[in-house]
Amino acid sequence: MPSAFLQADMDWDDLRIILQLVRAKQMTAAAKALGVDDSTVGRRVARLEKAIGAPLVERAGRRTVITEQGQKVAKAAERIESVILREITGLGEEASLVAGRVRIGAPEGFGVGYLARRLAELSLQYERLETELIALPRTYSLATREVDIAITLERPRTGQLTVRKLIDYALQIYGTDQYFEARGTPAATSDLKRHTLAGYIPELLFTEELSFDTVGDGEKLPLAVRSTSVIAQVNAVLSGAAIGILPRYLAAAHPELRPILTSEVHFVRSYWIAVHDDLKHFYRVRAVLDAIVSRVRQDASIFAGP
């Protein structure tokens, strides 16, 4: 009988399978995240369906649709996961020993242009610490355990999270002497329409916080070199063939980049750092979180300027 199975043989791994399947929305992606093959996921789901006595997924070709019962089981599994993380996992950690894996999600510019080097330095301090940096132009989910620490451009408003502002950062128009000698230096925002500007692809922005294509009295910038990557934009400006609105902390690493129109074109944005309440008590997570906050605040001058 299903009830007997539930009492005696229910396996957390089976519940974890359906939880990951809901999060990944695809059998192959769930299997990859769990380190198993597709057939294992299928067998575990079938066993759980037999135990519960209800279909949890509907298979339509490559698509996997979670049923209403499957969603309910996944929510229950998520609550169990939360208890495990809060009250069981990490009990064996020693306060004096920072060890294990911490995964950080960050916007591409901050992750590649600033954080990667600082995380590498942190590994020298904690030899048994493993850090994983996901640095892409996108947002990250703490609720689905996609990352342990998330750095975002918008303050997270939902979920059981501990959130604090990491830093404000400034953006200005930069160019090189090579560009200005060849094309001249814009003296006003109205001059920008005669210049080659690098910037984001407006329709592919993952957040409106990265919208910098309007200056002055609503004047649209003529972006001729567009990319989803701010690192690509930095390289376009470094080439001497374009100018662009860049974060000050990225420009600070390249002395050849010179700011212009500093009074007329100046943006300020913020980075926020968040951790799920289930994970904030882990020594390794707290160590990485505190190290990032401390280092960023030490380097405050390169973010916002004097």
Protein backbone atom coordinates (compact mmCIF):
# COMPACT_ATOMS: atom_id res chain seq x y z
CA MET A 1 0.00 0.00 0.00
CA PRO A 2 1.24 3.53 -0.67
CA SER A 3 0.81 4.60 2.96
CA ALA A 4 3.02 1.76 4.20
CA PHE A 5 5.69 2.70 1.67
CA LEU A 6 5.57 6.32 2.77
CA GLN A 7 6.03 5.38 6.39
CA ALA A 8 8.79 2.83 5.92
CA ASP A 9 10.62 3.43 2.68
CA MET A 10 10.30 7.08 1.69
CA ASP A 11 13.71 8.20 0.47
CA TRP A 12 14.85 11.82 0.65
CA ASP A 13 16.73 11.28 -2.61
CA ASP A 14 13.42 10.55 -4.37
CA LEU A 15 11.93 13.76 -3.03
CA ARG A 16 15.06 15.64 -4.01
CA ILE A 17 14.63 14.37 -7.56
CA ILE A 18 11.14 15.81 -7.96
CA LEU A 19 12.23 19.07 -6.31
CA GLN A 20 15.09 19.48 -8.77
CA LEU A 21 12.84 18.52 -11.65
CA VAL A 22 10.46 21.34 -10.73
CA ARG A 23 13.37 23.76 -10.50
CA ALA A 24 15.08 22.70 -13.72
CA LYS A 25 11.82 22.14 -15.67
CA GLN A 26 13.54 19.48 -17.78
CA MET A 27 14.58 15.89 -17.13
CA THR A 28 18.06 16.25 -18.63
CA ALA A 29 18.80 19.49 -16.77
CA ALA A 30 17.63 17.99 -13.47
CA ALA A 31 19.76 14.88 -14.00
CA LYS A 32 22.83 17.01 -14.77
CA ALA A 33 22.32 19.15 -11.66
CA LEU A 34 22.02 16.03 -9.49
CA GLY A 35 24.96 14.22 -11.09
CA VAL A 36 22.89 11.27 -12.34
CA ASP A 37 21.56 10.16 -15.72
CA ASP A 38 18.10 10.70 -17.18
CA SER A 39 17.05 7.11 -16.60
CA THR A 40 17.80 7.41 -12.88
CA VAL A 41 15.59 10.48 -12.65
CA GLY A 42 12.84 8.63 -14.50
CA ARG A 43 13.07 5.57 -12.22
CA ARG A 44 13.04 7.67 -9.06
CA VAL A 45 10.03 9.68 -10.22
CA ALA A 46 8.17 6.48 -11.14
CA ARG A 47 8.93 4.99 -7.73
CA LEU A 48 7.68 8.12 -6.00
CA GLU A 49 4.53 8.13 -8.12
CA LYS A 50 3.88 4.51 -7.14
CA ALA A 51 4.40 5.31 -3.47
CA ILE A 52 2.08 8.31 -3.51
CA GLY A 53 -0.45 6.77 -5.89
CA ALA A 54 -0.68 9.80 -8.15
CA PRO A 55 1.08 11.04 -11.30
CA LEU A 56 3.70 13.69 -10.56
CA VAL A 57 4.85 14.46 -14.10
CA GLU A 58 3.40 14.29 -17.57
CA ARG A 59 5.82 13.50 -20.37
CA ALA A 60 5.20 15.00 -23.80
CA GLY A 61 8.21 14.30 -26.01
CA ARG A 62 11.15 16.17 -24.52
CA ARG A 63 8.87 18.30 -22.38
CA THR A 64 8.25 17.46 -18.75
CA VAL A 65 5.14 18.99 -17.22
CA ILE A 66 4.77 18.84 -13.44
CA THR A 67 1.26 17.92 -12.33
CA GLU A 68 -0.59 19.65 -9.49
CA GLN A 69 0.30 16.69 -7.22
CA GLY A 70 3.92 16.99 -8.32
CA GLN A 71 3.97 20.67 -7.39
CA LYS A 72 2.58 19.85 -3.94
CA VAL A 73 5.20 17.14 -3.38
CA ALA A 74 7.95 19.53 -4.50
CA LYS A 75 6.77 22.20 -2.04
CA ALA A 76 6.81 19.64 0.76
CA ALA A 77 10.30 18.55 -0.31
CA GLU A 78 11.42 22.18 -0.26
CA ARG A 79 10.26 22.51 3.33
CA ILE A 80 12.20 19.36 4.25
CA GLU A 81 15.25 20.73 2.44
CA SER A 82 14.98 23.93 4.44
CA VAL A 83 14.92 22.00 7.73
CA ILE A 84 17.95 19.94 6.65
CA LEU A 85 19.89 23.05 5.68
CA ARG A 86 18.97 25.03 8.78
CA GLU A 87 19.24 22.34 11.43
CA ILE A 88 21.33 19.42 10.18
CA THR A 89 23.73 20.34 7.39
CA GLY A 90 26.75 22.12 8.77
CA LEU A 91 26.55 20.67 12.28
CA GLY A 92 29.96 19.14 11.73
CA GLU A 93 31.57 22.41 10.69
CA GLU A 94 34.28 23.74 12.95
CA ALA A 95 34.12 27.45 13.68
CA SER A 96 37.85 27.75 13.07
CA LEU A 97 37.75 25.87 9.77
CA VAL A 98 36.30 27.37 6.59
CA ALA A 99 35.95 24.50 4.13
CA GLY A 100 33.67 23.34 1.36
CA ARG A 101 32.03 24.90 -1.67
CA VAL A 102 30.39 28.32 -1.89
CA ARG A 103 28.78 29.37 -5.18
CA ILE A 104 28.40 33.08 -5.90
CA GLY A 105 26.21 34.57 -8.63
CA ALA A 106 27.06 38.08 -9.81
CA PRO A 107 26.44 40.36 -12.79
CA GLU A 108 29.07 39.86 -15.47
CA GLY A 109 30.87 43.18 -15.05
CA PHE A 110 31.23 42.89 -11.28
CA GLY A 111 31.97 39.16 -11.39
CA VAL A 112 34.57 39.17 -14.16
CA GLY A 113 35.95 42.67 -13.74
CA TYR A 114 36.24 42.79 -9.97
CA LEU A 115 35.21 39.75 -7.93
CA ALA A 116 37.10 36.94 -9.69
CA ARG A 117 40.49 38.21 -8.59
CA ARG A 118 39.35 38.78 -4.99
CA LEU A 119 37.89 35.28 -4.71
CA ALA A 120 41.18 33.82 -5.91
CA GLU A 121 42.96 35.79 -3.17
CA LEU A 122 40.45 34.44 -0.63
CA SER A 123 41.46 30.88 -1.52
CA LEU A 124 44.96 31.67 -0.27
CA GLN A 125 43.49 32.52 3.13
CA TYR A 126 41.30 29.41 3.34
CA GLU A 127 43.04 26.45 1.72
CA ARG A 128 40.02 24.12 2.02
CA LEU A 129 37.52 26.62 0.67
CA GLU A 130 36.15 26.13 -2.86
CA THR A 131 34.49 29.06 -4.58
CA GLU A 132 32.41 28.92 -7.74
CA LEU A 133 31.66 32.17 -9.54
CA ILE A 134 28.78 32.44 -12.00
CA ALA A 135 29.27 35.79 -13.73
CA LEU A 136 26.63 36.32 -16.41
CA PRO A 137 24.30 39.16 -17.48
CA ARG A 138 21.29 37.70 -15.66
CA THR A 139 19.66 37.30 -12.25
CA TYR A 140 20.14 34.35 -9.88
CA SER A 141 17.74 32.42 -7.66
CA LEU A 142 18.60 31.80 -4.02
CA ALA A 143 15.26 30.09 -3.40
CA THR A 144 16.08 27.28 -5.84
CA ARG A 145 19.65 26.91 -4.47
CA GLU A 146 21.06 28.05 -7.79
CA VAL A 147 23.69 30.01 -5.87
CA ASP A 148 24.61 30.40 -2.20
CA ILE A 149 25.29 34.14 -2.40
CA ALA A 150 23.69 36.45 -4.95
CA ILE A 151 24.94 39.89 -5.96
CA THR A 152 22.25 41.80 -7.82
CA LEU A 153 21.53 45.20 -9.36
CA GLU A 154 18.03 45.30 -7.88
CA ARG A 155 17.26 44.72 -4.23
CA PRO A 156 15.56 41.31 -3.79
CA ARG A 157 12.09 41.86 -2.33
CA THR A 158 10.76 38.34 -1.86
CA GLY A 159 11.85 35.17 -0.11
CA GLN A 160 13.48 34.32 3.20
CA LEU A 161 16.64 36.29 2.53
CA THR A 162 19.14 38.41 4.38
CA VAL A 163 19.90 41.37 2.11
CA ARG A 164 22.19 44.38 2.42
CA LYS A 165 23.45 47.03 0.08
CA LEU A 166 26.95 46.18 -1.06
CA ILE A 167 28.03 49.42 -2.77
CA ASP A 168 26.89 52.27 -4.98
CA TYR A 169 28.87 52.64 -8.18
CA ALA A 170 29.20 55.42 -10.70
CA LEU A 171 29.18 55.30 -14.50
CA GLN A 172 30.56 57.89 -16.91
CA ILE A 173 31.45 58.23 -20.57
CA TYR A 174 34.99 57.07 -21.29
CA GLY A 175 37.23 57.13 -24.31
CA THR A 176 40.90 56.94 -25.21
CA ASP A 177 43.29 59.61 -26.45
CA GLN A 178 43.53 57.57 -29.64
CA TYR A 179 39.79 58.06 -30.21
CA PHE A 180 39.74 61.74 -29.25
CA GLU A 181 42.71 62.55 -31.50
CA ALA A 182 41.00 60.89 -34.44
CA ARG A 183 37.38 61.99 -33.84
CA GLY A 184 37.61 64.97 -31.49
CA THR A 185 36.36 65.27 -27.92
CA PRO A 186 32.62 65.88 -27.42
CA ALA A 187 32.10 69.17 -25.61
CA ALA A 188 28.38 68.65 -24.90
CA THR A 189 25.84 65.81 -24.97
CA SER A 190 24.49 67.19 -28.24
CA ASP A 191 27.85 66.33 -29.83
CA LEU A 192 27.48 62.63 -29.03
CA LYS A 193 25.26 61.95 -32.05
CA ARG A 194 28.34 62.50 -34.25
CA HIS A 195 30.36 59.87 -32.39
CA THR A 196 30.56 56.08 -32.21
CA LEU A 197 29.16 54.84 -28.91
CA ALA A 198 29.27 51.37 -27.38
CA GLY A 199 26.46 50.18 -25.11
CA TYR A 200 23.90 47.52 -24.29
CA ILE A 201 21.32 45.98 -26.63
CA PRO A 202 18.18 47.66 -25.20
CA GLU A 203 15.73 44.83 -25.89
CA LEU A 204 18.04 42.25 -24.27
CA LEU A 205 18.57 44.01 -20.94
CA PHE A 206 17.92 41.66 -18.02
CA THR A 207 17.23 44.68 -15.77
CA GLU A 208 16.29 48.30 -16.38
CA GLU A 209 19.10 49.26 -14.02
CA LEU A 210 21.40 48.81 -17.04
CA SER A 211 19.53 51.29 -19.21
CA PHE A 212 21.91 54.17 -19.95
CA ASP A 213 20.89 55.16 -23.47
CA THR A 214 19.18 58.44 -22.49
CA VAL A 215 21.09 61.54 -21.32
CA GLY A 216 20.43 65.22 -20.78
CA ASP A 217 16.85 66.20 -21.57
CA GLY A 218 15.82 62.71 -22.68
CA GLU A 219 18.24 62.66 -25.59
CA LYS A 220 18.78 59.14 -26.93
CA LEU A 221 22.36 58.06 -27.42
CA PRO A 222 23.15 56.68 -30.89
CA LEU A 223 24.61 53.31 -29.91
CA ALA A 224 26.53 51.94 -32.88
CA VAL A 225 28.34 49.08 -31.09
CA ARG A 226 25.95 47.05 -28.93
CA SER A 227 26.50 44.01 -26.72
CA THR A 228 24.89 42.19 -23.80
CA SER A 229 28.37 42.15 -22.21
CA VAL A 230 29.81 45.16 -20.41
CA ILE A 231 33.26 43.57 -20.72
CA ALA A 232 32.78 43.60 -24.50
CA GLN A 233 31.85 47.28 -24.25
CA VAL A 234 35.01 48.02 -22.25
CA ASN A 235 37.08 46.28 -24.92
CA ALA A 236 35.31 48.21 -27.67
CA VAL A 237 36.24 51.49 -25.97
CA LEU A 238 39.80 50.30 -25.30
CA SER A 239 40.20 49.64 -29.03
CA GLY A 240 40.14 53.38 -29.66
CA ALA A 241 37.26 53.01 -32.12
CA ALA A 242 34.37 53.91 -29.78
CA ILE A 243 33.41 55.70 -26.60
CA GLY A 244 30.94 54.37 -24.03
CA ILE A 245 29.26 54.64 -20.65
CA LEU A 246 31.24 52.35 -18.35
CA PRO A 247 31.33 51.58 -14.62
CA ARG A 248 34.05 53.58 -12.92
CA TYR A 249 35.47 50.51 -11.17
CA LEU A 250 36.04 48.76 -14.51
CA ALA A 251 37.57 51.86 -16.10
CA ALA A 252 39.88 52.26 -13.09
CA ALA A 253 41.80 49.16 -14.19
CA HIS A 254 42.70 50.86 -17.50
CA PRO A 255 44.63 54.14 -17.13
CA GLU A 256 44.22 54.82 -20.85
CA LEU A 257 40.47 55.34 -20.39
CA ARG A 258 39.65 59.02 -19.85
CA PRO A 259 36.25 60.28 -18.62
CA ILE A 260 34.51 63.10 -20.49
CA LEU A 261 31.36 65.17 -19.92
CA THR A 262 31.57 64.27 -16.23
CA SER A 263 29.03 66.89 -15.19
CA GLU A 264 26.53 66.16 -17.97
CA VAL A 265 26.63 62.35 -18.06
CA HIS A 266 26.78 60.64 -14.69
CA PHE A 267 24.80 57.61 -13.52
CA VAL A 268 24.75 55.89 -10.12
CA ARG A 269 23.61 52.32 -9.60
CA SER A 270 23.79 49.91 -6.65
CA TYR A 271 24.89 46.36 -6.00
CA TRP A 272 23.04 44.32 -3.38
CA ILE A 273 24.28 41.14 -1.73
CA ALA A 274 21.90 38.47 -0.45
CA VAL A 275 21.99 35.03 1.12
CA HIS A 276 19.11 32.65 1.89
CA ASP A 277 18.32 32.40 5.58
CA ASP A 278 18.79 28.62 5.36
CA LEU A 279 22.47 29.09 4.49
CA LYS A 280 23.61 32.17 6.37
CA HIS A 281 24.69 30.18 9.45
CA PHE A 282 27.25 28.11 7.50
CA TYR A 283 30.78 29.20 8.41
CA ARG A 284 31.99 28.98 4.83
CA VAL A 285 29.10 31.07 3.51
CA ARG A 286 29.52 33.69 6.21
CA ALA A 287 33.26 33.84 5.61
CA VAL A 288 32.84 34.47 1.88
CA LEU A 289 29.98 36.92 2.42
CA ASP A 290 31.92 38.94 4.99
CA ALA A 291 35.08 38.89 2.87
CA ILE A 292 33.25 40.25 -0.19
CA VAL A 293 31.57 43.03 1.80
CA SER A 294 34.81 43.98 3.56
CA ARG A 295 36.89 44.06 0.38
CA VAL A 296 34.33 46.05 -1.61
CA ARG A 297 34.10 48.65 1.12
CA GLN A 298 37.89 48.90 1.26
CA ASP A 299 37.79 49.63 -2.47
CA ALA A 300 34.89 52.09 -2.22
CA SER A 301 36.87 54.88 -3.94
CA ILE A 302 37.12 52.99 -7.24
CA PHE A 303 33.37 52.38 -7.32
CA ALA A 304 31.85 55.77 -6.57
CA GLY A 305 34.88 57.99 -6.94
CA PRO A 306 35.92 60.86 -4.70
